[in-house]
Amino acid sequence: MIATTDLEFKNYYVEKLYMTANVETGVLVNRSGRRMIALTNDFLLGLHRALEKECGDRVEKVLYHCGRKWGRNFGKGLDNAWSEFYQKPLQEFPLAFFQSLVVQEFGHNGWGMLTLDYTHFAKGIIDLNLEGAIMADITEAELKYPADVLTAGIIAGMFSHFIQRDVDCLQSQCAMKGFSSSHFLLSDPKRIEELSTWRTSSKTHQEILNHLLTLQS
């Protein structure tokens, strides 16, 4: 049962109700009944190292596409859960309200503090800033690919479902490089593909964004 106070405020992410654990079975579920799993830093690092060994130079694409596929299914699950809880289709949510839900989802999952910038939305671009990004926060060794490429894939998959069209995501700034946060750019797949060489250069996030604005979708 949902508490009376929760019905009044209709906050899906009320701390005491969002996630519950059954000590006897060892099962952790969110308020929609979806099973959750807590992963340690060592597990995440081990997963990346194992994939690097198995996939070699393809590891970045493998991580991205795994994240993208999972992210699309995850976004569909969130769509169903939010729509059922708030008793209206996700498409009818005000933008600011939808944004607050995405931000809270990231925070409650331990993925970092997310900020979405819609300044260039009319030009088909969403600029995302993430403080405390998972892999950038725990990885010590220098990588040949962006530390949070898995997160980039998850973002692409989630938003592909949310806006009902394919979009891709590029990590344009990594906290591992000494920045206070990581940046991601979400846009049309063709435009993101054209940015691939820019990301591997020494260009800043703002320079990459400026170049993206010149590309046609």
N, C-alpha and C. Protein backbone atom coordinates (compact mmCIF):
# COMPACT_ATOMS: atom_id res chain seq x y z
N MET A 1 0.84 -1.21 0.00
CA MET A 1 0.00 0.00 0.00
C MET A 1 0.87 1.25 0.00
N ILE A 2 0.47 2.26 -0.74
CA ILE A 2 1.19 3.53 -0.77
C ILE A 2 0.69 4.40 0.36
N ALA A 3 1.63 4.98 1.09
CA ALA A 3 1.26 5.82 2.24
C ALA A 3 0.41 7.00 1.79
N THR A 4 -0.43 7.49 2.72
CA THR A 4 -1.32 8.62 2.40
C THR A 4 -0.52 9.84 1.97
N THR A 5 0.57 10.12 2.68
CA THR A 5 1.38 11.29 2.34
C THR A 5 1.95 11.16 0.94
N ASP A 6 2.27 9.93 0.54
CA ASP A 6 2.81 9.73 -0.79
C ASP A 6 1.74 9.96 -1.86
N LEU A 7 0.50 9.59 -1.56
CA LEU A 7 -0.59 9.83 -2.50
C LEU A 7 -0.80 11.31 -2.71
N GLU A 8 -0.61 12.09 -1.65
CA GLU A 8 -0.80 13.53 -1.73
C GLU A 8 0.28 14.18 -2.59
N PHE A 9 1.51 13.77 -2.38
CA PHE A 9 2.61 14.40 -3.11
C PHE A 9 2.95 13.65 -4.40
N LYS A 10 2.49 12.40 -4.52
CA LYS A 10 2.73 11.58 -5.71
C LYS A 10 4.19 11.63 -6.13
N ASN A 11 5.05 11.29 -5.20
CA ASN A 11 6.49 11.23 -5.51
C ASN A 11 6.90 9.77 -5.62
N TYR A 12 7.19 9.34 -6.83
CA TYR A 12 7.58 7.95 -7.09
C TYR A 12 8.84 7.57 -6.31
N TYR A 13 9.67 8.56 -6.01
CA TYR A 13 10.97 8.29 -5.41
C TYR A 13 11.05 8.60 -3.91
N VAL A 14 9.93 8.56 -3.21
CA VAL A 14 9.96 8.71 -1.75
C VAL A 14 10.90 7.65 -1.19
N GLU A 15 11.87 8.10 -0.38
CA GLU A 15 12.96 7.23 0.05
C GLU A 15 12.49 5.91 0.66
N LYS A 16 11.56 5.94 1.59
CA LYS A 16 11.18 4.73 2.31
C LYS A 16 10.31 3.79 1.48
N LEU A 17 9.82 4.27 0.33
CA LEU A 17 8.94 3.45 -0.48
C LEU A 17 9.54 3.03 -1.82
N TYR A 18 10.55 3.76 -2.26
CA TYR A 18 11.09 3.48 -3.60
C TYR A 18 11.74 2.11 -3.69
N MET A 19 12.50 1.73 -2.68
CA MET A 19 13.19 0.46 -2.73
C MET A 19 13.05 -0.29 -1.41
N THR A 20 12.74 -1.58 -1.50
CA THR A 20 12.60 -2.39 -0.29
C THR A 20 13.38 -3.69 -0.46
N ALA A 21 13.84 -4.23 0.67
CA ALA A 21 14.62 -5.46 0.64
C ALA A 21 13.97 -6.51 1.52
N ASN A 22 13.93 -7.73 1.01
CA ASN A 22 13.44 -8.87 1.78
C ASN A 22 14.67 -9.58 2.34
N VAL A 23 14.89 -9.46 3.62
CA VAL A 23 16.10 -10.02 4.25
C VAL A 23 16.12 -11.54 4.13
N GLU A 24 14.97 -12.17 4.21
CA GLU A 24 14.91 -13.63 4.17
C GLU A 24 15.29 -14.20 2.80
N THR A 25 14.80 -13.55 1.75
CA THR A 25 15.08 -14.06 0.39
C THR A 25 16.28 -13.37 -0.24
N GLY A 26 16.70 -12.24 0.33
CA GLY A 26 17.82 -11.51 -0.25
C GLY A 26 17.47 -10.79 -1.53
N VAL A 27 16.17 -10.52 -1.72
CA VAL A 27 15.70 -9.86 -2.95
C VAL A 27 15.45 -8.38 -2.69
N LEU A 28 15.96 -7.54 -3.59
CA LEU A 28 15.78 -6.09 -3.53
C LEU A 28 14.90 -5.67 -4.69
N VAL A 29 13.80 -4.96 -4.40
CA VAL A 29 12.89 -4.53 -5.46
C VAL A 29 12.56 -3.05 -5.32
N ASN A 30 12.22 -2.42 -6.45
CA ASN A 30 11.76 -1.04 -6.38
C ASN A 30 10.25 -1.04 -6.19
N ARG A 31 9.64 0.13 -6.14
CA ARG A 31 8.23 0.20 -5.80
C ARG A 31 7.32 -0.38 -6.88
N SER A 32 7.85 -0.60 -8.08
CA SER A 32 7.06 -1.23 -9.14
C SER A 32 7.20 -2.74 -9.14
N GLY A 33 8.00 -3.26 -8.20
CA GLY A 33 8.20 -4.70 -8.12
C GLY A 33 9.34 -5.21 -8.97
N ARG A 34 10.08 -4.28 -9.57
CA ARG A 34 11.21 -4.66 -10.43
C ARG A 34 12.41 -5.01 -9.57
N ARG A 35 13.01 -6.18 -9.83
CA ARG A 35 14.17 -6.60 -9.06
C ARG A 35 15.36 -5.68 -9.33
N MET A 36 16.10 -5.37 -8.26
CA MET A 36 17.28 -4.53 -8.35
C MET A 36 18.49 -5.33 -7.90
N ILE A 37 19.66 -4.92 -8.36
CA ILE A 37 20.88 -5.58 -7.94
C ILE A 37 21.94 -4.53 -7.64
N ALA A 38 22.66 -4.71 -6.55
CA ALA A 38 23.73 -3.78 -6.18
C ALA A 38 25.06 -4.37 -6.61
N LEU A 39 25.82 -3.63 -7.41
CA LEU A 39 27.10 -4.10 -7.94
C LEU A 39 28.24 -3.36 -7.26
N THR A 40 29.28 -4.09 -6.92
CA THR A 40 30.44 -3.48 -6.28
C THR A 40 31.36 -2.85 -7.32
N ASN A 41 32.23 -1.96 -6.87
CA ASN A 41 33.22 -1.36 -7.76
C ASN A 41 34.10 -2.44 -8.39
N ASP A 42 34.49 -3.44 -7.60
CA ASP A 42 35.35 -4.51 -8.10
C ASP A 42 34.67 -5.29 -9.23
N PHE A 43 33.36 -5.50 -9.09
CA PHE A 43 32.62 -6.22 -10.14
C PHE A 43 32.63 -5.41 -11.44
N LEU A 44 32.35 -4.14 -11.34
CA LEU A 44 32.29 -3.29 -12.53
C LEU A 44 33.65 -3.19 -13.21
N LEU A 45 34.70 -3.04 -12.42
CA LEU A 45 36.05 -2.98 -12.98
C LEU A 45 36.41 -4.32 -13.62
N GLY A 46 36.04 -5.41 -12.95
CA GLY A 46 36.33 -6.74 -13.49
C GLY A 46 35.61 -7.00 -14.79
N LEU A 47 34.36 -6.54 -14.89
CA LEU A 47 33.58 -6.70 -16.12
C LEU A 47 34.26 -5.99 -17.28
N HIS A 48 34.69 -4.76 -17.05
CA HIS A 48 35.35 -4.00 -18.11
C HIS A 48 36.67 -4.66 -18.52
N ARG A 49 37.43 -5.12 -17.55
CA ARG A 49 38.71 -5.75 -17.86
C ARG A 49 38.53 -7.04 -18.64
N ALA A 50 37.51 -7.82 -18.25
CA ALA A 50 37.23 -9.08 -18.95
C ALA A 50 36.83 -8.81 -20.40
N LEU A 51 35.99 -7.80 -20.61
CA LEU A 51 35.57 -7.46 -21.97
C LEU A 51 36.73 -6.91 -22.79
N GLU A 52 37.61 -6.15 -22.16
CA GLU A 52 38.79 -5.65 -22.87
C GLU A 52 39.65 -6.80 -23.36
N LYS A 53 39.79 -7.82 -22.51
CA LYS A 53 40.60 -8.98 -22.87
C LYS A 53 39.94 -9.79 -23.98
N GLU A 54 38.61 -9.95 -23.90
CA GLU A 54 37.89 -10.77 -24.87
C GLU A 54 37.67 -10.06 -26.20
N CYS A 55 37.41 -8.76 -26.14
CA CYS A 55 36.98 -8.02 -27.34
C CYS A 55 38.09 -7.19 -27.98
N GLY A 56 39.15 -6.93 -27.24
CA GLY A 56 40.24 -6.14 -27.80
C GLY A 56 39.80 -4.74 -28.17
N ASP A 57 40.12 -4.33 -29.40
CA ASP A 57 39.80 -2.98 -29.86
C ASP A 57 38.29 -2.75 -30.03
N ARG A 58 37.52 -3.81 -30.01
CA ARG A 58 36.06 -3.68 -30.20
C ARG A 58 35.32 -3.42 -28.89
N VAL A 59 36.06 -3.37 -27.78
CA VAL A 59 35.42 -3.27 -26.47
C VAL A 59 34.52 -2.04 -26.34
N GLU A 60 34.94 -0.92 -26.91
CA GLU A 60 34.13 0.30 -26.81
C GLU A 60 32.77 0.11 -27.47
N LYS A 61 32.76 -0.47 -28.67
CA LYS A 61 31.49 -0.69 -29.38
C LYS A 61 30.62 -1.71 -28.65
N VAL A 62 31.26 -2.74 -28.10
CA VAL A 62 30.51 -3.77 -27.38
C VAL A 62 29.82 -3.16 -26.15
N LEU A 63 30.58 -2.39 -25.37
CA LEU A 63 30.03 -1.76 -24.18
C LEU A 63 28.89 -0.80 -24.54
N TYR A 64 29.12 -0.01 -25.58
CA TYR A 64 28.11 0.97 -25.98
C TYR A 64 26.81 0.30 -26.41
N HIS A 65 26.93 -0.70 -27.27
CA HIS A 65 25.72 -1.34 -27.79
C HIS A 65 25.01 -2.19 -26.74
N CYS A 66 25.78 -2.77 -25.82
CA CYS A 66 25.14 -3.47 -24.69
C CYS A 66 24.34 -2.48 -23.85
N GLY A 67 24.96 -1.33 -23.56
CA GLY A 67 24.28 -0.30 -22.79
C GLY A 67 23.06 0.23 -23.51
N ARG A 68 23.17 0.41 -24.82
CA ARG A 68 22.08 0.95 -25.61
C ARG A 68 20.87 0.01 -25.63
N LYS A 69 21.14 -1.29 -25.83
CA LYS A 69 20.06 -2.26 -25.86
C LYS A 69 19.39 -2.36 -24.50
N TRP A 70 20.20 -2.43 -23.45
CA TRP A 70 19.64 -2.52 -22.10
C TRP A 70 18.90 -1.23 -21.76
N GLY A 71 19.47 -0.09 -22.15
CA GLY A 71 18.87 1.20 -21.84
C GLY A 71 17.50 1.38 -22.47
N ARG A 72 17.32 0.87 -23.68
CA ARG A 72 16.01 0.98 -24.34
C ARG A 72 14.95 0.18 -23.56
N ASN A 73 15.32 -1.04 -23.15
CA ASN A 73 14.39 -1.85 -22.35
C ASN A 73 14.14 -1.21 -20.99
N PHE A 74 15.17 -0.63 -20.42
CA PHE A 74 15.05 0.04 -19.13
C PHE A 74 14.12 1.25 -19.24
N GLY A 75 14.29 2.02 -20.32
CA GLY A 75 13.43 3.17 -20.56
C GLY A 75 11.98 2.76 -20.72
N LYS A 76 11.75 1.63 -21.39
CA LYS A 76 10.38 1.13 -21.55
C LYS A 76 9.79 0.76 -20.19
N GLY A 77 10.62 0.16 -19.33
CA GLY A 77 10.16 -0.20 -17.99
C GLY A 77 9.80 1.03 -17.17
N LEU A 78 10.63 2.07 -17.28
CA LEU A 78 10.35 3.32 -16.56
C LEU A 78 9.07 3.97 -17.08
N ASP A 79 8.91 3.95 -18.39
CA ASP A 79 7.70 4.50 -19.02
C ASP A 79 6.46 3.84 -18.41
N ASN A 80 6.46 2.52 -18.36
CA ASN A 80 5.31 1.79 -17.82
C ASN A 80 5.10 2.10 -16.34
N ALA A 81 6.20 2.12 -15.57
CA ALA A 81 6.10 2.34 -14.13
C ALA A 81 5.59 3.74 -13.82
N TRP A 82 6.17 4.75 -14.47
CA TRP A 82 5.77 6.13 -14.22
C TRP A 82 4.33 6.37 -14.67
N SER A 83 3.99 5.85 -15.85
CA SER A 83 2.63 6.05 -16.38
C SER A 83 1.59 5.43 -15.47
N GLU A 84 1.89 4.25 -14.95
CA GLU A 84 0.96 3.58 -14.04
C GLU A 84 0.84 4.33 -12.73
N PHE A 85 1.97 4.79 -12.19
CA PHE A 85 1.97 5.46 -10.90
C PHE A 85 1.25 6.81 -10.96
N TYR A 86 1.50 7.58 -12.03
CA TYR A 86 0.92 8.91 -12.14
C TYR A 86 -0.39 8.93 -12.94
N GLN A 87 -0.80 7.75 -13.41
CA GLN A 87 -2.09 7.60 -14.08
C GLN A 87 -2.24 8.50 -15.31
N LYS A 88 -1.17 8.61 -16.09
CA LYS A 88 -1.25 9.32 -17.36
C LYS A 88 -0.05 8.90 -18.22
N PRO A 89 -0.19 8.96 -19.56
CA PRO A 89 0.90 8.56 -20.44
C PRO A 89 2.13 9.45 -20.25
N LEU A 90 3.29 8.88 -20.40
CA LEU A 90 4.53 9.63 -20.25
C LEU A 90 4.57 10.84 -21.20
N GLN A 91 3.99 10.68 -22.38
CA GLN A 91 4.00 11.76 -23.37
C GLN A 91 3.27 13.01 -22.89
N GLU A 92 2.41 12.86 -21.87
CA GLU A 92 1.66 14.00 -21.35
C GLU A 92 2.34 14.67 -20.16
N PHE A 93 3.48 14.14 -19.72
CA PHE A 93 4.19 14.74 -18.59
C PHE A 93 4.80 16.07 -19.02
N PRO A 94 4.74 17.09 -18.20
CA PRO A 94 5.47 18.34 -18.50
C PRO A 94 6.97 18.04 -18.56
N LEU A 95 7.67 18.74 -19.42
CA LEU A 95 9.09 18.48 -19.63
C LEU A 95 9.89 18.56 -18.33
N ALA A 96 9.63 19.59 -17.53
CA ALA A 96 10.37 19.77 -16.28
C ALA A 96 10.13 18.60 -15.33
N PHE A 97 8.90 18.08 -15.33
CA PHE A 97 8.56 16.96 -14.45
C PHE A 97 9.25 15.68 -14.93
N PHE A 98 9.21 15.45 -16.24
CA PHE A 98 9.89 14.30 -16.82
C PHE A 98 11.39 14.35 -16.49
N GLN A 99 11.98 15.53 -16.65
CA GLN A 99 13.40 15.70 -16.37
C GLN A 99 13.71 15.36 -14.91
N SER A 100 12.86 15.79 -13.99
CA SER A 100 13.09 15.52 -12.57
C SER A 100 13.06 14.03 -12.29
N LEU A 101 12.22 13.29 -13.00
CA LEU A 101 12.15 11.84 -12.81
C LEU A 101 13.42 11.15 -13.29
N VAL A 102 13.91 11.58 -14.45
CA VAL A 102 15.14 11.00 -15.00
C VAL A 102 16.31 11.28 -14.06
N VAL A 103 16.40 12.51 -13.57
CA VAL A 103 17.48 12.90 -12.65
C VAL A 103 17.43 12.06 -11.37
N GLN A 104 16.22 11.88 -10.83
CA GLN A 104 16.08 11.09 -9.61
C GLN A 104 16.39 9.62 -9.85
N GLU A 105 16.05 9.12 -11.02
CA GLU A 105 16.35 7.72 -11.34
C GLU A 105 17.86 7.49 -11.35
N PHE A 106 18.59 8.39 -11.98
CA PHE A 106 20.05 8.29 -12.00
C PHE A 106 20.61 8.34 -10.59
N GLY A 107 20.12 9.28 -9.80
CA GLY A 107 20.63 9.45 -8.45
C GLY A 107 20.36 8.24 -7.57
N HIS A 108 19.14 7.71 -7.63
CA HIS A 108 18.78 6.57 -6.79
C HIS A 108 19.50 5.29 -7.21
N ASN A 109 19.89 5.21 -8.47
CA ASN A 109 20.62 4.04 -8.93
C ASN A 109 22.13 4.16 -8.70
N GLY A 110 22.57 5.29 -8.19
CA GLY A 110 23.99 5.48 -7.96
C GLY A 110 24.78 5.76 -9.22
N TRP A 111 24.10 6.27 -10.26
CA TRP A 111 24.78 6.54 -11.53
C TRP A 111 25.37 7.94 -11.61
N GLY A 112 25.09 8.77 -10.63
CA GLY A 112 25.62 10.13 -10.64
C GLY A 112 24.52 11.18 -10.61
N MET A 113 24.95 12.44 -10.47
CA MET A 113 24.01 13.57 -10.44
C MET A 113 23.90 14.14 -11.85
N LEU A 114 22.74 13.96 -12.46
CA LEU A 114 22.53 14.31 -13.86
C LEU A 114 21.87 15.68 -14.01
N THR A 115 22.35 16.44 -14.99
CA THR A 115 21.73 17.71 -15.38
C THR A 115 21.51 17.68 -16.88
N LEU A 116 20.31 18.05 -17.32
CA LEU A 116 19.99 18.07 -18.74
C LEU A 116 19.82 19.51 -19.22
N ASP A 117 20.49 19.84 -20.32
CA ASP A 117 20.44 21.18 -20.89
C ASP A 117 19.74 21.11 -22.25
N TYR A 118 18.57 21.77 -22.34
CA TYR A 118 17.78 21.73 -23.58
C TYR A 118 17.97 22.98 -24.44
N THR A 119 19.06 23.71 -24.20
CA THR A 119 19.29 24.95 -24.94
C THR A 119 19.22 24.74 -26.44
N HIS A 120 19.76 23.62 -26.93
CA HIS A 120 19.82 23.37 -28.37
C HIS A 120 18.84 22.26 -28.80
N PHE A 121 17.79 22.07 -28.00
CA PHE A 121 16.84 21.00 -28.30
C PHE A 121 16.16 21.22 -29.65
N ALA A 122 15.88 22.47 -29.99
CA ALA A 122 15.24 22.77 -31.28
C ALA A 122 16.13 22.35 -32.45
N LYS A 123 17.42 22.23 -32.20
CA LYS A 123 18.37 21.80 -33.23
C LYS A 123 18.73 20.32 -33.09
N GLY A 124 17.93 19.63 -32.27
CA GLY A 124 18.10 18.19 -32.16
C GLY A 124 19.22 17.74 -31.26
N ILE A 125 19.55 18.53 -30.23
CA ILE A 125 20.67 18.20 -29.35
C ILE A 125 20.26 18.37 -27.88
N ILE A 126 20.60 17.38 -27.06
CA ILE A 126 20.47 17.50 -25.61
C ILE A 126 21.87 17.35 -25.02
N ASP A 127 22.24 18.29 -24.18
CA ASP A 127 23.55 18.32 -23.53
C ASP A 127 23.37 17.82 -22.10
N LEU A 128 24.06 16.74 -21.75
CA LEU A 128 23.91 16.16 -20.42
C LEU A 128 25.22 16.26 -19.63
N ASN A 129 25.10 16.69 -18.40
CA ASN A 129 26.26 16.79 -17.51
C ASN A 129 26.05 15.80 -16.36
N LEU A 130 27.08 15.01 -16.05
CA LEU A 130 26.95 13.98 -15.03
C LEU A 130 28.11 14.08 -14.03
N GLU A 131 27.77 14.43 -12.80
CA GLU A 131 28.76 14.46 -11.73
C GLU A 131 28.76 13.11 -11.02
N GLY A 132 29.95 12.59 -10.77
CA GLY A 132 30.05 11.29 -10.10
C GLY A 132 29.70 10.13 -11.01
N ALA A 133 30.01 10.26 -12.32
CA ALA A 133 29.77 9.16 -13.27
C ALA A 133 30.48 7.90 -12.79
N ILE A 134 29.82 6.76 -12.92
CA ILE A 134 30.27 5.52 -12.28
C ILE A 134 31.73 5.16 -12.59
N MET A 135 32.02 4.84 -13.83
CA MET A 135 33.34 4.32 -14.15
C MET A 135 34.42 5.38 -14.03
N ALA A 136 34.12 6.60 -14.42
CA ALA A 136 35.10 7.69 -14.29
C ALA A 136 35.46 7.91 -12.84
N ASP A 137 34.53 7.57 -11.96
CA ASP A 137 34.73 7.79 -10.53
C ASP A 137 35.59 6.70 -9.88
N ILE A 138 35.58 5.49 -10.46
CA ILE A 138 36.28 4.38 -9.81
C ILE A 138 37.48 3.85 -10.60
N THR A 139 37.58 4.21 -11.87
CA THR A 139 38.68 3.72 -12.69
C THR A 139 39.95 4.52 -12.42
N GLU A 140 41.04 3.83 -12.20
CA GLU A 140 42.30 4.49 -11.90
C GLU A 140 43.23 4.52 -13.12
N ALA A 141 43.26 3.44 -13.87
CA ALA A 141 44.16 3.37 -15.03
C ALA A 141 43.60 4.14 -16.22
N GLU A 142 44.49 4.68 -17.04
CA GLU A 142 44.09 5.40 -18.24
C GLU A 142 43.48 4.42 -19.25
N LEU A 143 42.37 4.79 -19.85
CA LEU A 143 41.69 3.94 -20.81
C LEU A 143 41.88 4.46 -22.23
N LYS A 144 41.74 3.56 -23.21
CA LYS A 144 41.85 3.96 -24.61
C LYS A 144 40.51 4.46 -25.15
N TYR A 145 39.49 4.37 -24.34
CA TYR A 145 38.15 4.77 -24.75
C TYR A 145 37.50 5.53 -23.58
N PRO A 146 36.42 6.29 -23.83
CA PRO A 146 35.78 7.04 -22.74
C PRO A 146 35.36 6.11 -21.60
N ALA A 147 35.63 6.51 -20.38
CA ALA A 147 35.38 5.65 -19.22
C ALA A 147 33.91 5.25 -19.11
N ASP A 148 33.01 6.15 -19.44
CA ASP A 148 31.59 5.86 -19.25
C ASP A 148 30.86 5.61 -20.55
N VAL A 149 31.49 4.85 -21.44
CA VAL A 149 30.84 4.52 -22.72
C VAL A 149 29.60 3.66 -22.49
N LEU A 150 29.60 2.83 -21.44
CA LEU A 150 28.42 2.04 -21.11
C LEU A 150 27.26 2.95 -20.72
N THR A 151 27.56 3.98 -19.94
CA THR A 151 26.54 4.95 -19.55
C THR A 151 26.01 5.71 -20.77
N ALA A 152 26.90 6.05 -21.70
CA ALA A 152 26.48 6.73 -22.93
C ALA A 152 25.49 5.86 -23.70
N GLY A 153 25.77 4.55 -23.75
CA GLY A 153 24.85 3.64 -24.42
C GLY A 153 23.51 3.57 -23.72
N ILE A 154 23.53 3.53 -22.40
CA ILE A 154 22.28 3.49 -21.62
C ILE A 154 21.45 4.75 -21.87
N ILE A 155 22.10 5.90 -21.88
CA ILE A 155 21.40 7.17 -22.14
C ILE A 155 20.76 7.14 -23.53
N ALA A 156 21.53 6.67 -24.53
CA ALA A 156 21.01 6.61 -25.90
C ALA A 156 19.79 5.69 -25.98
N GLY A 157 19.87 4.54 -25.32
CA GLY A 157 18.75 3.60 -25.35
C GLY A 157 17.51 4.14 -24.66
N MET A 158 17.71 4.73 -23.47
CA MET A 158 16.59 5.28 -22.72
C MET A 158 15.86 6.35 -23.51
N PHE A 159 16.62 7.30 -24.05
CA PHE A 159 15.99 8.42 -24.75
C PHE A 159 15.44 8.01 -26.11
N SER A 160 16.00 6.96 -26.72
CA SER A 160 15.43 6.44 -27.97
C SER A 160 14.01 5.97 -27.71
N HIS A 161 13.79 5.37 -26.54
CA HIS A 161 12.43 4.96 -26.19
C HIS A 161 11.57 6.17 -25.82
N PHE A 162 12.12 7.05 -25.00
CA PHE A 162 11.33 8.19 -24.51
C PHE A 162 10.80 9.07 -25.63
N ILE A 163 11.65 9.34 -26.64
CA ILE A 163 11.22 10.24 -27.71
C ILE A 163 10.76 9.49 -28.96
N GLN A 164 10.77 8.14 -28.87
CA GLN A 164 10.25 7.30 -29.95
C GLN A 164 10.94 7.53 -31.29
N ARG A 165 12.26 7.70 -31.23
CA ARG A 165 13.07 7.74 -32.45
C ARG A 165 14.51 7.44 -32.05
N ASP A 166 15.27 6.88 -32.97
CA ASP A 166 16.64 6.50 -32.65
C ASP A 166 17.53 7.72 -32.46
N VAL A 167 18.23 7.74 -31.36
CA VAL A 167 19.24 8.76 -31.09
C VAL A 167 20.48 8.05 -30.55
N ASP A 168 21.62 8.70 -30.69
CA ASP A 168 22.86 8.16 -30.15
C ASP A 168 23.47 9.17 -29.19
N CYS A 169 24.43 8.70 -28.40
CA CYS A 169 25.02 9.54 -27.36
C CYS A 169 26.54 9.43 -27.41
N LEU A 170 27.20 10.54 -27.28
CA LEU A 170 28.66 10.61 -27.30
C LEU A 170 29.16 11.22 -26.00
N GLN A 171 30.13 10.58 -25.36
CA GLN A 171 30.75 11.18 -24.18
C GLN A 171 31.80 12.18 -24.67
N SER A 172 31.54 13.45 -24.44
CA SER A 172 32.41 14.52 -24.96
C SER A 172 33.40 15.06 -23.94
N GLN A 173 33.22 14.68 -22.69
CA GLN A 173 34.15 15.10 -21.62
C GLN A 173 34.13 14.05 -20.53
N CYS A 174 35.31 13.69 -20.04
CA CYS A 174 35.41 12.63 -19.04
C CYS A 174 36.07 13.15 -17.77
N ALA A 175 35.44 12.86 -16.64
CA ALA A 175 35.97 13.31 -15.36
C ALA A 175 37.34 12.72 -15.07
N MET A 176 37.67 11.60 -15.71
CA MET A 176 39.00 10.99 -15.53
C MET A 176 40.13 11.89 -16.01
N LYS A 177 39.79 12.82 -16.90
CA LYS A 177 40.79 13.73 -17.46
C LYS A 177 41.04 14.94 -16.56
N GLY A 178 40.45 14.92 -15.37
CA GLY A 178 40.67 16.02 -14.43
C GLY A 178 39.53 17.02 -14.36
N PHE A 179 38.47 16.79 -15.14
CA PHE A 179 37.31 17.69 -15.10
C PHE A 179 36.45 17.35 -13.89
N SER A 180 35.63 18.31 -13.47
CA SER A 180 34.78 18.10 -12.31
C SER A 180 33.59 17.18 -12.61
N SER A 181 33.29 16.98 -13.90
CA SER A 181 32.16 16.14 -14.29
C SER A 181 32.37 15.61 -15.69
N SER A 182 31.48 14.71 -16.10
CA SER A 182 31.51 14.17 -17.45
C SER A 182 30.36 14.78 -18.25
N HIS A 183 30.58 14.95 -19.55
CA HIS A 183 29.57 15.50 -20.44
C HIS A 183 29.20 14.49 -21.51
N PHE A 184 27.93 14.52 -21.91
CA PHE A 184 27.42 13.65 -22.97
C PHE A 184 26.56 14.49 -23.91
N LEU A 185 26.61 14.16 -25.20
CA LEU A 185 25.78 14.83 -26.20
C LEU A 185 24.87 13.80 -26.85
N LEU A 186 23.59 14.13 -26.89
CA LEU A 186 22.57 13.23 -27.43
C LEU A 186 22.01 13.86 -28.70
N SER A 187 22.02 13.10 -29.80
CA SER A 187 21.51 13.66 -31.06
C SER A 187 21.25 12.53 -32.06
N ASP A 188 20.98 12.92 -33.29
CA ASP A 188 20.73 12.00 -34.37
C ASP A 188 21.94 11.08 -34.59
N PRO A 189 21.74 9.77 -34.81
CA PRO A 189 22.86 8.84 -34.98
C PRO A 189 23.88 9.26 -36.04
N LYS A 190 23.39 9.80 -37.15
CA LYS A 190 24.31 10.20 -38.23
C LYS A 190 25.23 11.33 -37.76
N ARG A 191 24.67 12.29 -37.05
CA ARG A 191 25.47 13.42 -36.56
C ARG A 191 26.48 12.96 -35.51
N ILE A 192 26.06 12.06 -34.63
CA ILE A 192 26.97 11.54 -33.61
C ILE A 192 28.11 10.76 -34.26
N GLU A 193 27.79 9.99 -35.31
CA GLU A 193 28.82 9.23 -36.02
C GLU A 193 29.87 10.15 -36.61
N GLU A 194 29.44 11.29 -37.12
CA GLU A 194 30.37 12.24 -37.71
C GLU A 194 31.28 12.88 -36.67
N LEU A 195 30.90 12.77 -35.39
CA LEU A 195 31.69 13.36 -34.31
C LEU A 195 32.77 12.41 -33.78
N SER A 196 32.77 11.17 -34.22
CA SER A 196 33.65 10.17 -33.63
C SER A 196 35.12 10.57 -33.66
N THR A 197 35.58 11.16 -34.76
CA THR A 197 36.99 11.56 -34.84
C THR A 197 37.26 12.78 -33.97
N TRP A 198 36.27 13.62 -33.78
CA TRP A 198 36.45 14.80 -32.93
C TRP A 198 36.60 14.39 -31.47
N ARG A 199 35.88 13.36 -31.06
CA ARG A 199 35.96 12.95 -29.67
C ARG A 199 37.34 12.41 -29.32
N THR A 200 37.97 11.71 -30.27
CA THR A 200 39.28 11.13 -30.01
C THR A 200 40.41 12.15 -30.13
N SER A 201 40.07 13.36 -30.56
CA SER A 201 41.08 14.41 -30.63
C SER A 201 41.13 15.13 -29.29
N SER A 202 41.86 16.22 -29.25
CA SER A 202 42.01 16.97 -27.99
C SER A 202 40.96 18.08 -27.86
N LYS A 203 39.89 17.99 -28.62
CA LYS A 203 38.85 19.01 -28.59
C LYS A 203 38.13 19.03 -27.25
N THR A 204 37.72 20.22 -26.84
CA THR A 204 36.96 20.35 -25.59
C THR A 204 35.48 20.03 -25.84
N HIS A 205 34.74 19.87 -24.77
CA HIS A 205 33.31 19.61 -24.90
C HIS A 205 32.63 20.73 -25.68
N GLN A 206 32.96 21.97 -25.39
CA GLN A 206 32.32 23.09 -26.06
C GLN A 206 32.66 23.11 -27.55
N GLU A 207 33.89 22.77 -27.89
CA GLU A 207 34.28 22.72 -29.30
C GLU A 207 33.53 21.60 -30.03
N ILE A 208 33.37 20.47 -29.37
CA ILE A 208 32.63 19.35 -29.97
C ILE A 208 31.17 19.74 -30.16
N LEU A 209 30.58 20.39 -29.15
CA LEU A 209 29.20 20.85 -29.23
C LEU A 209 29.03 21.85 -30.37
N ASN A 210 29.95 22.80 -30.46
CA ASN A 210 29.88 23.81 -31.53
C ASN A 210 29.93 23.15 -32.91
N HIS A 211 30.76 22.13 -33.05
CA HIS A 211 30.85 21.43 -34.33
C HIS A 211 29.56 20.65 -34.63
N LEU A 212 29.00 20.05 -33.59
CA LEU A 212 27.76 19.30 -33.74
C LEU A 212 26.64 20.22 -34.24
N LEU A 213 26.64 21.45 -33.79
CA LEU A 213 25.61 22.41 -34.20
C LEU A 213 25.69 22.74 -35.69
N THR A 214 26.84 22.51 -36.29
CA THR A 214 27.00 22.80 -37.72
C THR A 214 26.58 21.64 -38.60
N LEU A 215 26.38 20.47 -38.00
CA LEU A 215 26.06 19.27 -38.78
C LEU A 215 24.57 19.15 -39.02
N GLN A 216 24.21 18.68 -40.20
CA GLN A 216 22.80 18.50 -40.54
C GLN A 216 22.34 17.13 -40.08
N SER A 217 21.10 17.06 -39.59
CA SER A 217 20.55 15.76 -39.15
C SER A 217 19.99 15.00 -40.35
